[in-house]
């Protein structure tokens, strides 16, 4: 299936912003404090900064890394997720990508390794499902 460039960009933008809901909800339930939700989100963003040389956790580099990874994942999902049952397949693909990102790439970086795994995987699944829902909407 050929998806339109506009839909891919829209789906990537929506998924990259909204997919943080699972880890944010986890943080809120665990702490009961909105400040902790913000702190945890910033910690996860800074952790992604290790992927950009010189490799230390950094908010600026983390934002750039999240943007680049989101664009790459969006492009990948646009090509591999079938249009039939796309939300389900998007969630599955997001989980697989999350396992790779966190379990293979992230295990080499303490800042990423220290993030709670289940909420991060849930965010990846949400990214895939949201991406598919937006890119294949009628």
Protein backbone atom coordinates (compact mmCIF):
# COMPACT_ATOMS: atom_id res chain seq x y z
CA UNK A 1 0.00 0.00 0.00
CA UNK A 2 1.23 3.48 -0.85
CA UNK A 3 0.45 5.97 1.90
CA UNK A 4 0.54 9.70 1.23
CA UNK A 5 3.51 11.72 2.46
CA UNK A 6 1.15 14.16 4.19
CA UNK A 7 -0.55 11.36 6.15
CA UNK A 8 2.81 9.87 7.15
CA UNK A 9 4.00 13.23 8.46
CA UNK A 10 0.71 13.85 10.31
CA UNK A 11 0.71 10.35 11.79
CA UNK A 12 4.32 10.66 12.92
CA UNK A 13 3.67 14.05 14.55
CA UNK A 14 0.57 12.85 16.41
CA UNK A 15 2.17 9.58 17.50
CA UNK A 16 5.38 11.26 18.68
CA UNK A 17 3.45 13.62 20.96
CA UNK A 18 0.58 11.45 22.23
CA UNK A 19 2.50 8.19 22.64
CA UNK A 20 3.99 9.40 25.94
CA UNK A 21 0.61 8.90 27.63
CA UNK A 22 1.31 5.35 28.92
CA UNK A 23 4.57 6.26 30.67
CA UNK A 24 3.06 9.51 31.94
CA UNK A 25 0.07 7.64 33.36
CA UNK A 26 2.43 5.11 34.96
CA UNK A 27 4.41 7.92 36.54
CA UNK A 28 1.25 9.60 37.83
CA UNK A 29 -0.09 6.37 39.34
CA UNK A 30 3.29 5.51 40.88
CA UNK A 31 3.89 8.93 42.39
CA UNK A 32 0.49 10.60 42.57
CA UNK A 33 2.30 13.81 41.74
CA UNK A 34 2.13 15.83 38.51
CA UNK A 35 5.62 17.19 39.14
CA UNK A 36 6.97 13.62 39.02
CA UNK A 37 5.24 13.09 35.68
CA UNK A 38 7.08 16.10 34.27
CA UNK A 39 10.38 15.06 35.84
CA UNK A 40 10.07 11.51 34.47
CA UNK A 41 9.23 12.81 30.99
CA UNK A 42 12.23 15.13 31.03
CA UNK A 43 14.45 12.31 32.30
CA UNK A 44 13.35 10.07 29.42
CA UNK A 45 13.93 12.88 26.92
CA UNK A 46 17.38 13.63 28.34
CA UNK A 47 18.21 9.90 28.26
CA UNK A 48 17.65 9.83 24.50
CA UNK A 49 20.35 12.49 24.24
CA UNK A 50 22.98 9.81 24.78
CA UNK A 51 22.35 8.67 21.21
CA UNK A 52 23.82 11.89 19.80
CA UNK A 53 27.56 12.46 20.24
CA UNK A 54 29.21 13.28 22.52
CA UNK A 55 26.69 11.01 24.18
CA UNK A 56 25.73 12.49 27.52
CA UNK A 57 22.13 12.90 28.68
CA UNK A 58 20.94 16.29 27.47
CA UNK A 59 17.50 17.80 26.96
CA UNK A 60 18.44 19.47 23.66
CA UNK A 61 20.07 16.37 22.20
CA UNK A 62 17.23 14.27 23.60
CA UNK A 63 14.62 16.33 21.75
CA UNK A 64 16.62 15.97 18.53
CA UNK A 65 17.09 12.23 19.08
CA UNK A 66 13.38 11.74 19.76
CA UNK A 67 12.54 13.67 16.59
CA UNK A 68 14.95 11.66 14.44
CA UNK A 69 13.88 8.31 15.89
CA UNK A 70 10.19 9.23 15.49
CA UNK A 71 10.69 10.16 11.83
CA UNK A 72 12.63 6.96 11.13
CA UNK A 73 10.08 4.80 12.92
CA UNK A 74 7.22 6.57 11.13
CA UNK A 75 8.86 5.90 7.77
CA UNK A 76 9.41 2.27 8.70
CA UNK A 77 5.85 1.79 9.91
CA UNK A 78 4.46 3.41 6.76
CA UNK A 79 6.20 0.71 4.75
CA UNK A 80 5.66 -2.41 6.86
CA UNK A 81 2.30 -2.06 8.60
CA UNK A 82 -0.47 -3.53 6.43
CA UNK A 83 -3.59 -1.45 5.88
CA UNK A 84 -5.80 -4.30 7.12
CA UNK A 85 -5.99 -4.25 10.95
CA UNK A 86 -3.32 -1.56 10.85
CA UNK A 87 -3.83 -0.34 14.44
CA UNK A 88 -3.23 -3.83 15.83
CA UNK A 89 -0.21 -4.37 13.55
CA UNK A 90 1.07 -0.89 14.38
CA UNK A 91 0.98 -1.73 18.09
CA UNK A 92 2.80 -5.02 17.47
CA UNK A 93 5.40 -3.29 15.29
CA UNK A 94 5.81 -0.58 17.95
CA UNK A 95 6.45 -3.26 20.57
CA UNK A 96 9.06 -4.96 18.39
CA UNK A 97 10.76 -1.62 17.67
CA UNK A 98 10.66 -0.78 21.39
CA UNK A 99 12.27 -4.11 22.30
CA UNK A 100 15.03 -3.41 19.79
CA UNK A 101 15.50 0.23 20.83
CA UNK A 102 15.46 -0.43 24.56
CA UNK A 103 16.81 -3.96 24.74
CA UNK A 104 19.49 -3.89 22.06
CA UNK A 105 20.51 -0.26 21.55
CA UNK A 106 19.49 1.15 24.93
CA UNK A 107 21.19 -1.50 27.05
CA UNK A 108 24.54 0.07 26.18
CA UNK A 109 23.54 3.38 27.79
CA UNK A 110 22.88 3.61 31.55
CA UNK A 111 20.55 6.61 31.15
CA UNK A 112 18.27 4.56 28.87
CA UNK A 113 18.72 1.31 30.79
CA UNK A 114 17.53 3.01 34.00
CA UNK A 115 14.15 3.97 32.53
CA UNK A 116 11.26 1.70 33.61
CA UNK A 117 10.94 -0.85 30.81
CA UNK A 118 7.19 -1.63 30.74
CA UNK A 119 6.01 2.00 30.44
CA UNK A 120 8.62 2.67 27.74
CA UNK A 121 7.47 -0.38 25.77
CA UNK A 122 3.86 0.76 26.21
CA UNK A 123 4.84 4.14 24.75
CA UNK A 124 6.35 2.37 21.74
CA UNK A 125 3.19 0.30 21.27
CA UNK A 126 1.10 3.46 21.54
CA UNK A 127 3.30 5.13 18.92
CA UNK A 128 2.68 2.29 16.48
CA UNK A 129 -1.05 2.11 17.13
CA UNK A 130 -1.52 5.89 16.97
CA UNK A 131 0.58 6.13 13.84
CA UNK A 132 -1.56 3.49 12.12
CA UNK A 133 -4.83 5.05 13.28
CA UNK A 134 -3.89 8.43 11.86
CA UNK A 135 -2.15 7.31 8.67
CA UNK A 136 -5.03 5.00 7.69
CA UNK A 137 -7.96 7.10 8.85
CA UNK A 138 -10.74 7.43 6.26
